[in-house]
């Protein structure tokens, strides 16, 4: 069994990535949450000062891999880019309304910035970068993109982040109104994760094992 550490402290991402792995039917791979390692030291919280989603994901993955003693670490960095706002919130999507804010506050700021613009002026896209690192070695990177529009108000009760105000192309519902399986089939993270699992099939990492410390 190859163990891959999820390089995040976000429980929503832990759940979504674990669900995506189950849906991929990839045998021989186990995604570990940081708390499952029982290392006795808190997981890292690196400064994400990269200029792209891939750079920020790599920063997180390297930090978590080193903290774990060499386990492969999978990091995600994602954001919502709105054309009418010159790509904002973008790389600052999680901190759009300030440091240590809730996504309700981020959503409120975004909706205020867009005001009463019509749908054709509310186009944007979710972008997800996934990076797999072991120690200092970059093993794999990919990006997934999902276009759509920003709604005028939140709808639905599922998902997290900006899901309640984003309606993907070809849909009549927001991500928060979809089931988990429906969202996975369309989302930026779902697309990126499918590319990741295809890369893992038959790769030396899965065949030979993680090379990191065994799980306690």
C-alpha atoms as a PDB file:
ATOM      1  CA  UNK A   1       0.000   0.000   0.000  1.00  0.00           C
ATOM      2  CA  UNK A   2       1.413   3.365  -1.048  1.00  0.00           C
ATOM      3  CA  UNK A   3       0.655   6.149   1.397  1.00  0.00           C
ATOM      4  CA  UNK A   4       0.313   9.729   0.170  1.00  0.00           C
ATOM      5  CA  UNK A   5      -0.064  12.581   2.630  1.00  0.00           C
ATOM      6  CA  UNK A   6      -2.695  15.242   1.949  1.00  0.00           C
ATOM      7  CA  UNK A   7      -0.764  18.495   2.315  1.00  0.00           C
ATOM      8  CA  UNK A   8      -3.555  20.548   3.840  1.00  0.00           C
ATOM      9  CA  UNK A   9      -5.163  21.353   7.153  1.00  0.00           C
ATOM     10  CA  UNK A  10      -8.537  21.865   5.459  1.00  0.00           C
ATOM     11  CA  UNK A  11     -10.928  19.082   6.475  1.00  0.00           C
ATOM     12  CA  UNK A  12     -13.209  19.814   3.509  1.00  0.00           C
ATOM     13  CA  UNK A  13     -10.325  19.136   1.125  1.00  0.00           C
ATOM     14  CA  UNK A  14      -9.414  15.973   3.028  1.00  0.00           C
ATOM     15  CA  UNK A  15     -12.938  14.661   2.529  1.00  0.00           C
ATOM     16  CA  UNK A  16     -13.177  15.677  -1.117  1.00  0.00           C
ATOM     17  CA  UNK A  17      -9.812  14.222  -2.129  1.00  0.00           C
ATOM     18  CA  UNK A  18     -10.511  10.969  -0.280  1.00  0.00           C
ATOM     19  CA  UNK A  19     -13.873  10.730  -2.031  1.00  0.00           C
ATOM     20  CA  UNK A  20     -12.268  11.378  -5.422  1.00  0.00           C
ATOM     21  CA  UNK A  21      -9.740   8.608  -4.787  1.00  0.00           C
ATOM     22  CA  UNK A  22     -12.516   6.156  -3.897  1.00  0.00           C
ATOM     23  CA  UNK A  23     -14.350   7.115  -7.066  1.00  0.00           C
ATOM     24  CA  UNK A  24     -11.245   6.566  -9.185  1.00  0.00           C
ATOM     25  CA  UNK A  25     -11.045   2.928  -8.111  1.00  0.00           C
ATOM     26  CA  UNK A  26      -7.259   3.136  -7.825  1.00  0.00           C
ATOM     27  CA  UNK A  27      -6.018   0.222  -5.734  1.00  0.00           C
ATOM     28  CA  UNK A  28      -2.840   0.272  -3.690  1.00  0.00           C
ATOM     29  CA  UNK A  29      -3.006   3.967  -2.713  1.00  0.00           C
ATOM     30  CA  UNK A  30      -4.061   5.428   0.638  1.00  0.00           C
ATOM     31  CA  UNK A  31      -4.446   9.141   1.252  1.00  0.00           C
ATOM     32  CA  UNK A  32      -3.444  10.123   4.788  1.00  0.00           C
ATOM     33  CA  UNK A  33      -4.650  13.149   6.704  1.00  0.00           C
ATOM     34  CA  UNK A  34      -1.888  14.929   8.674  1.00  0.00           C
ATOM     35  CA  UNK A  35      -3.484  14.037  12.027  1.00  0.00           C
ATOM     36  CA  UNK A  36      -3.281  10.335  11.175  1.00  0.00           C
ATOM     37  CA  UNK A  37       0.517  10.369  11.292  1.00  0.00           C
ATOM     38  CA  UNK A  38       0.601  11.052  15.031  1.00  0.00           C
ATOM     39  CA  UNK A  39       3.923  12.870  14.783  1.00  0.00           C
ATOM     40  CA  UNK A  40       3.441  14.981  17.909  1.00  0.00           C
ATOM     41  CA  UNK A  41       4.291  18.221  16.120  1.00  0.00           C
ATOM     42  CA  UNK A  42       1.737  20.426  14.362  1.00  0.00           C
ATOM     43  CA  UNK A  43       1.674  20.280  10.564  1.00  0.00           C
ATOM     44  CA  UNK A  44       3.354  23.137   8.709  1.00  0.00           C
ATOM     45  CA  UNK A  45       1.617  26.326   7.666  1.00  0.00           C
ATOM     46  CA  UNK A  46       3.957  27.624   4.956  1.00  0.00           C
ATOM     47  CA  UNK A  47       3.697  31.086   3.432  1.00  0.00           C
ATOM     48  CA  UNK A  48       2.090  30.655   0.024  1.00  0.00           C
ATOM     49  CA  UNK A  49       3.956  33.393  -1.799  1.00  0.00           C
ATOM     50  CA  UNK A  50       4.135  31.819  -5.253  1.00  0.00           C
ATOM     51  CA  UNK A  51       3.005  33.661  -8.365  1.00  0.00           C
ATOM     52  CA  UNK A  52       0.887  30.748  -9.677  1.00  0.00           C
ATOM     53  CA  UNK A  53      -1.404  28.058  -8.279  1.00  0.00           C
ATOM     54  CA  UNK A  54       1.188  25.414  -9.171  1.00  0.00           C
ATOM     55  CA  UNK A  55       3.917  27.264  -7.281  1.00  0.00           C
ATOM     56  CA  UNK A  56       1.750  27.605  -4.178  1.00  0.00           C
ATOM     57  CA  UNK A  57       0.756  23.937  -4.308  1.00  0.00           C
ATOM     58  CA  UNK A  58       4.422  22.940  -4.590  1.00  0.00           C
ATOM     59  CA  UNK A  59       5.311  25.095  -1.563  1.00  0.00           C
ATOM     60  CA  UNK A  60       2.715  23.266   0.536  1.00  0.00           C
ATOM     61  CA  UNK A  61       3.601  19.815  -0.768  1.00  0.00           C
ATOM     62  CA  UNK A  62       7.320  20.223  -0.044  1.00  0.00           C
ATOM     63  CA  UNK A  63       6.650  21.536   3.459  1.00  0.00           C
ATOM     64  CA  UNK A  64       4.358  18.633   4.342  1.00  0.00           C
ATOM     65  CA  UNK A  65       6.640  16.007   2.801  1.00  0.00           C
ATOM     66  CA  UNK A  66       9.604  17.258   4.819  1.00  0.00           C
ATOM     67  CA  UNK A  67       7.492  17.472   7.994  1.00  0.00           C
ATOM     68  CA  UNK A  68       6.391  13.851   7.549  1.00  0.00           C
ATOM     69  CA  UNK A  69       9.921  12.566   7.139  1.00  0.00           C
ATOM     70  CA  UNK A  70       9.727  11.911   3.422  1.00  0.00           C
ATOM     71  CA  UNK A  71       6.225  10.728   2.569  1.00  0.00           C
ATOM     72  CA  UNK A  72       4.920  11.749  -0.858  1.00  0.00           C
ATOM     73  CA  UNK A  73       2.679  14.746  -0.268  1.00  0.00           C
ATOM     74  CA  UNK A  74      -0.208  15.865  -2.461  1.00  0.00           C
ATOM     75  CA  UNK A  75      -1.103  19.551  -2.324  1.00  0.00           C
ATOM     76  CA  UNK A  76      -3.946  21.447  -3.902  1.00  0.00           C
ATOM     77  CA  UNK A  77      -4.112  25.157  -4.576  1.00  0.00           C
ATOM     78  CA  UNK A  78      -7.250  26.528  -6.108  1.00  0.00           C
ATOM     79  CA  UNK A  79      -8.996  29.779  -6.774  1.00  0.00           C
ATOM     80  CA  UNK A  80     -11.879  31.543  -8.477  1.00  0.00           C
ATOM     81  CA  UNK A  81     -11.057  34.033 -11.234  1.00  0.00           C
ATOM     82  CA  UNK A  82     -13.710  36.488 -12.423  1.00  0.00           C
ATOM     83  CA  UNK A  83     -13.160  38.205 -15.769  1.00  0.00           C
ATOM     84  CA  UNK A  84     -14.940  41.451 -14.847  1.00  0.00           C
ATOM     85  CA  UNK A  85     -12.674  41.799 -11.787  1.00  0.00           C
ATOM     86  CA  UNK A  86      -9.443  41.315 -13.751  1.00  0.00           C
ATOM     87  CA  UNK A  87      -9.072  37.774 -12.446  1.00  0.00           C
ATOM     88  CA  UNK A  88      -9.834  38.467  -8.772  1.00  0.00           C
ATOM     89  CA  UNK A  89     -10.089  36.864  -6.258  1.00  0.00           C
ATOM     90  CA  UNK A  90      -7.533  34.569  -7.961  1.00  0.00           C
ATOM     91  CA  UNK A  91      -4.581  33.471  -5.859  1.00  0.00           C
ATOM     92  CA  UNK A  92      -6.076  35.283  -2.863  1.00  0.00           C
ATOM     93  CA  UNK A  93      -9.425  33.478  -3.078  1.00  0.00           C
ATOM     94  CA  UNK A  94      -9.195  32.094   0.477  1.00  0.00           C
ATOM     95  CA  UNK A  95      -8.130  35.495   1.840  1.00  0.00           C
ATOM     96  CA  UNK A  96     -10.102  37.783  -0.464  1.00  0.00           C
ATOM     97  CA  UNK A  97     -11.819  39.641   2.387  1.00  0.00           C
ATOM     98  CA  UNK A  98      -8.717  39.565   4.620  1.00  0.00           C
ATOM     99  CA  UNK A  99      -6.668  37.178   6.709  1.00  0.00           C
ATOM    100  CA  UNK A 100      -8.487  34.581   8.819  1.00  0.00           C
ATOM    101  CA  UNK A 101     -11.916  35.363   7.369  1.00  0.00           C
ATOM    102  CA  UNK A 102     -14.802  33.041   6.637  1.00  0.00           C
ATOM    103  CA  UNK A 103     -15.937  32.160   3.134  1.00  0.00           C
ATOM    104  CA  UNK A 104     -19.232  33.889   3.890  1.00  0.00           C
ATOM    105  CA  UNK A 105     -17.196  37.086   4.183  1.00  0.00           C
ATOM    106  CA  UNK A 106     -15.300  36.314   0.980  1.00  0.00           C
ATOM    107  CA  UNK A 107     -18.565  35.654  -0.850  1.00  0.00           C
ATOM    108  CA  UNK A 108     -20.103  38.877   0.456  1.00  0.00           C
ATOM    109  CA  UNK A 109     -17.134  40.898  -0.798  1.00  0.00           C
ATOM    110  CA  UNK A 110     -17.215  39.233  -4.213  1.00  0.00           C
ATOM    111  CA  UNK A 111     -20.951  39.769  -4.663  1.00  0.00           C
ATOM    112  CA  UNK A 112     -20.580  43.417  -3.634  1.00  0.00           C
ATOM    113  CA  UNK A 113     -17.769  43.873  -6.172  1.00  0.00           C
ATOM    114  CA  UNK A 114     -19.922  42.446  -8.971  1.00  0.00           C
ATOM    115  CA  UNK A 115     -23.059  44.319  -7.941  1.00  0.00           C
ATOM    116  CA  UNK A 116     -25.959  43.950 -10.367  1.00  0.00           C
ATOM    117  CA  UNK A 117     -23.902  43.006 -13.417  1.00  0.00           C
ATOM    118  CA  UNK A 118     -25.824  40.740 -15.817  1.00  0.00           C
ATOM    119  CA  UNK A 119     -24.835  37.072 -16.274  1.00  0.00           C
ATOM    120  CA  UNK A 120     -22.660  37.748 -19.318  1.00  0.00           C
ATOM    121  CA  UNK A 121     -20.522  40.046 -17.164  1.00  0.00           C
ATOM    122  CA  UNK A 122     -20.211  37.533 -14.322  1.00  0.00           C
ATOM    123  CA  UNK A 123     -18.174  34.898 -16.157  1.00  0.00           C
ATOM    124  CA  UNK A 124     -15.248  33.260 -14.454  1.00  0.00           C
ATOM    125  CA  UNK A 125     -13.556  29.971 -13.747  1.00  0.00           C
ATOM    126  CA  UNK A 126     -12.383  27.769 -10.913  1.00  0.00           C
ATOM    127  CA  UNK A 127      -8.800  26.578 -11.252  1.00  0.00           C
ATOM    128  CA  UNK A 128      -7.230  23.738  -9.258  1.00  0.00           C
ATOM    129  CA  UNK A 129      -3.530  22.889  -9.263  1.00  0.00           C
ATOM    130  CA  UNK A 130      -2.418  19.526  -7.867  1.00  0.00           C
ATOM    131  CA  UNK A 131       1.232  18.853  -7.097  1.00  0.00           C
ATOM    132  CA  UNK A 132       2.811  15.642  -5.805  1.00  0.00           C
ATOM    133  CA  UNK A 133       6.195  15.987  -4.108  1.00  0.00           C
ATOM    134  CA  UNK A 134       8.476  13.575  -2.263  1.00  0.00           C
ATOM    135  CA  UNK A 135      11.145  15.356  -0.254  1.00  0.00           C
ATOM    136  CA  UNK A 136      12.562  17.914  -2.638  1.00  0.00           C
ATOM    137  CA  UNK A 137      11.516  16.050  -5.794  1.00  0.00           C
ATOM    138  CA  UNK A 138       8.569  17.120  -7.918  1.00  0.00           C
ATOM    139  CA  UNK A 139       6.807  13.917  -9.016  1.00  0.00           C
ATOM    140  CA  UNK A 140       3.742  15.265 -10.809  1.00  0.00           C
ATOM    141  CA  UNK A 141       1.751  18.449 -11.406  1.00  0.00           C
ATOM    142  CA  UNK A 142      -1.465  19.249 -13.236  1.00  0.00           C
ATOM    143  CA  UNK A 143      -4.262  21.814 -13.405  1.00  0.00           C
ATOM    144  CA  UNK A 144      -8.014  21.506 -13.886  1.00  0.00           C
ATOM    145  CA  UNK A 145     -10.309  24.351 -14.968  1.00  0.00           C
ATOM    146  CA  UNK A 146     -14.086  24.711 -14.762  1.00  0.00           C
ATOM    147  CA  UNK A 147     -15.804  27.696 -16.394  1.00  0.00           C
ATOM    148  CA  UNK A 148     -19.124  29.196 -15.363  1.00  0.00           C
ATOM    149  CA  UNK A 149     -20.776  32.280 -13.907  1.00  0.00           C
ATOM    150  CA  UNK A 150     -21.027  33.869 -10.471  1.00  0.00           C
ATOM    151  CA  UNK A 151     -24.614  33.981  -9.264  1.00  0.00           C
ATOM    152  CA  UNK A 152     -26.255  37.007  -7.647  1.00  0.00           C
ATOM    153  CA  UNK A 153     -26.827  35.172  -4.346  1.00  0.00           C
ATOM    154  CA  UNK A 154     -25.794  31.914  -2.661  1.00  0.00           C
ATOM    155  CA  UNK A 155     -27.909  28.839  -3.345  1.00  0.00           C
ATOM    156  CA  UNK A 156     -27.790  25.287  -1.996  1.00  0.00           C
ATOM    157  CA  UNK A 157     -26.380  23.802   1.158  1.00  0.00           C
ATOM    158  CA  UNK A 158     -23.613  21.472  -0.004  1.00  0.00           C
ATOM    159  CA  UNK A 159     -19.935  21.984  -0.838  1.00  0.00           C
ATOM    160  CA  UNK A 160     -17.692  24.683   0.596  1.00  0.00           C
ATOM    161  CA  UNK A 161     -15.853  27.864  -0.346  1.00  0.00           C
ATOM    162  CA  UNK A 162     -17.406  29.726  -3.265  1.00  0.00           C
ATOM    163  CA  UNK A 163     -19.545  26.723  -4.299  1.00  0.00           C
ATOM    164  CA  UNK A 164     -22.883  28.392  -3.360  1.00  0.00           C
ATOM    165  CA  UNK A 165     -22.393  31.231  -5.868  1.00  0.00           C
ATOM    166  CA  UNK A 166     -20.788  29.392  -8.802  1.00  0.00           C
ATOM    167  CA  UNK A 167     -22.833  27.790 -11.572  1.00  0.00           C
ATOM    168  CA  UNK A 168     -20.685  25.728 -13.959  1.00  0.00           C
ATOM    169  CA  UNK A 169     -21.257  25.857 -17.707  1.00  0.00           C
ATOM    170  CA  UNK A 170     -24.009  23.550 -18.937  1.00  0.00           C
ATOM    171  CA  UNK A 171     -25.764  23.531 -15.559  1.00  0.00           C
ATOM    172  CA  UNK A 172     -28.767  25.251 -14.034  1.00  0.00           C
ATOM    173  CA  UNK A 173     -27.569  24.741 -10.455  1.00  0.00           C
ATOM    174  CA  UNK A 174     -24.701  25.953  -8.329  1.00  0.00           C
ATOM    175  CA  UNK A 175     -22.074  23.502  -7.111  1.00  0.00           C
ATOM    176  CA  UNK A 176     -23.779  23.669  -3.708  1.00  0.00           C
ATOM    177  CA  UNK A 177     -27.006  22.342  -5.206  1.00  0.00           C
ATOM    178  CA  UNK A 178     -25.335  19.270  -6.705  1.00  0.00           C
ATOM    179  CA  UNK A 179     -24.648  15.888  -5.194  1.00  0.00           C
ATOM    180  CA  UNK A 180     -21.046  15.023  -4.452  1.00  0.00           C
ATOM    181  CA  UNK A 181     -20.842  12.748  -7.499  1.00  0.00           C
ATOM    182  CA  UNK A 182     -22.309  15.406  -9.790  1.00  0.00           C
ATOM    183  CA  UNK A 183     -19.850  17.976  -8.556  1.00  0.00           C
ATOM    184  CA  UNK A 184     -16.892  15.609  -8.873  1.00  0.00           C
ATOM    185  CA  UNK A 185     -17.764  14.961 -12.528  1.00  0.00           C
ATOM    186  CA  UNK A 186     -17.633  18.682 -13.398  1.00  0.00           C
ATOM    187  CA  UNK A 187     -15.388  20.439 -10.933  1.00  0.00           C
ATOM    188  CA  UNK A 188     -11.895  21.789 -11.395  1.00  0.00           C
ATOM    189  CA  UNK A 189     -10.649  19.562  -8.563  1.00  0.00           C
ATOM    190  CA  UNK A 190     -12.343  16.523 -10.066  1.00  0.00           C
ATOM    191  CA  UNK A 191     -10.665  17.140 -13.426  1.00  0.00           C
ATOM    192  CA  UNK A 192      -7.237  17.642 -11.853  1.00  0.00           C
ATOM    193  CA  UNK A 193      -7.602  14.582  -9.653  1.00  0.00           C
ATOM    194  CA  UNK A 194      -8.544  12.364 -12.578  1.00  0.00           C
ATOM    195  CA  UNK A 195      -5.339  13.411 -14.332  1.00  0.00           C
ATOM    196  CA  UNK A 196      -3.446  12.639 -11.114  1.00  0.00           C
ATOM    197  CA  UNK A 197      -4.914   9.161 -10.710  1.00  0.00           C
ATOM    198  CA  UNK A 198      -4.240   8.334 -14.353  1.00  0.00           C
ATOM    199  CA  UNK A 199      -0.626   9.312 -13.781  1.00  0.00           C
ATOM    200  CA  UNK A 200      -0.435   7.030 -10.740  1.00  0.00           C
ATOM    201  CA  UNK A 201      -1.711   3.927 -12.511  1.00  0.00           C
ATOM    202  CA  UNK A 202       1.297   1.703 -13.024  1.00  0.00           C
ATOM    203  CA  UNK A 203       3.734   4.415 -11.911  1.00  0.00           C
ATOM    204  CA  UNK A 204       6.904   3.471  -9.995  1.00  0.00           C
ATOM    205  CA  UNK A 205       5.513   5.294  -6.963  1.00  0.00           C
ATOM    206  CA  UNK A 206       2.577   2.911  -6.682  1.00  0.00           C
ATOM    207  CA  UNK A 207       4.541  -0.136  -7.764  1.00  0.00           C
ATOM    208  CA  UNK A 208       7.504   0.383  -5.450  1.00  0.00           C
ATOM    209  CA  UNK A 209       5.829   2.055  -2.485  1.00  0.00           C
ATOM    210  CA  UNK A 210       6.128   5.484  -0.959  1.00  0.00           C
ATOM    211  CA  UNK A 211       9.666   5.391   0.309  1.00  0.00           C
ATOM    212  CA  UNK A 212       8.554   7.286   3.409  1.00  0.00           C
ATOM    213  CA  UNK A 213       8.082   6.208   7.001  1.00  0.00           C
ATOM    214  CA  UNK A 214       5.424   3.575   7.721  1.00  0.00           C
ATOM    215  CA  UNK A 215       2.136   4.716   9.119  1.00  0.00           C
ATOM    216  CA  UNK A 216       2.017   4.415  12.924  1.00  0.00           C
END
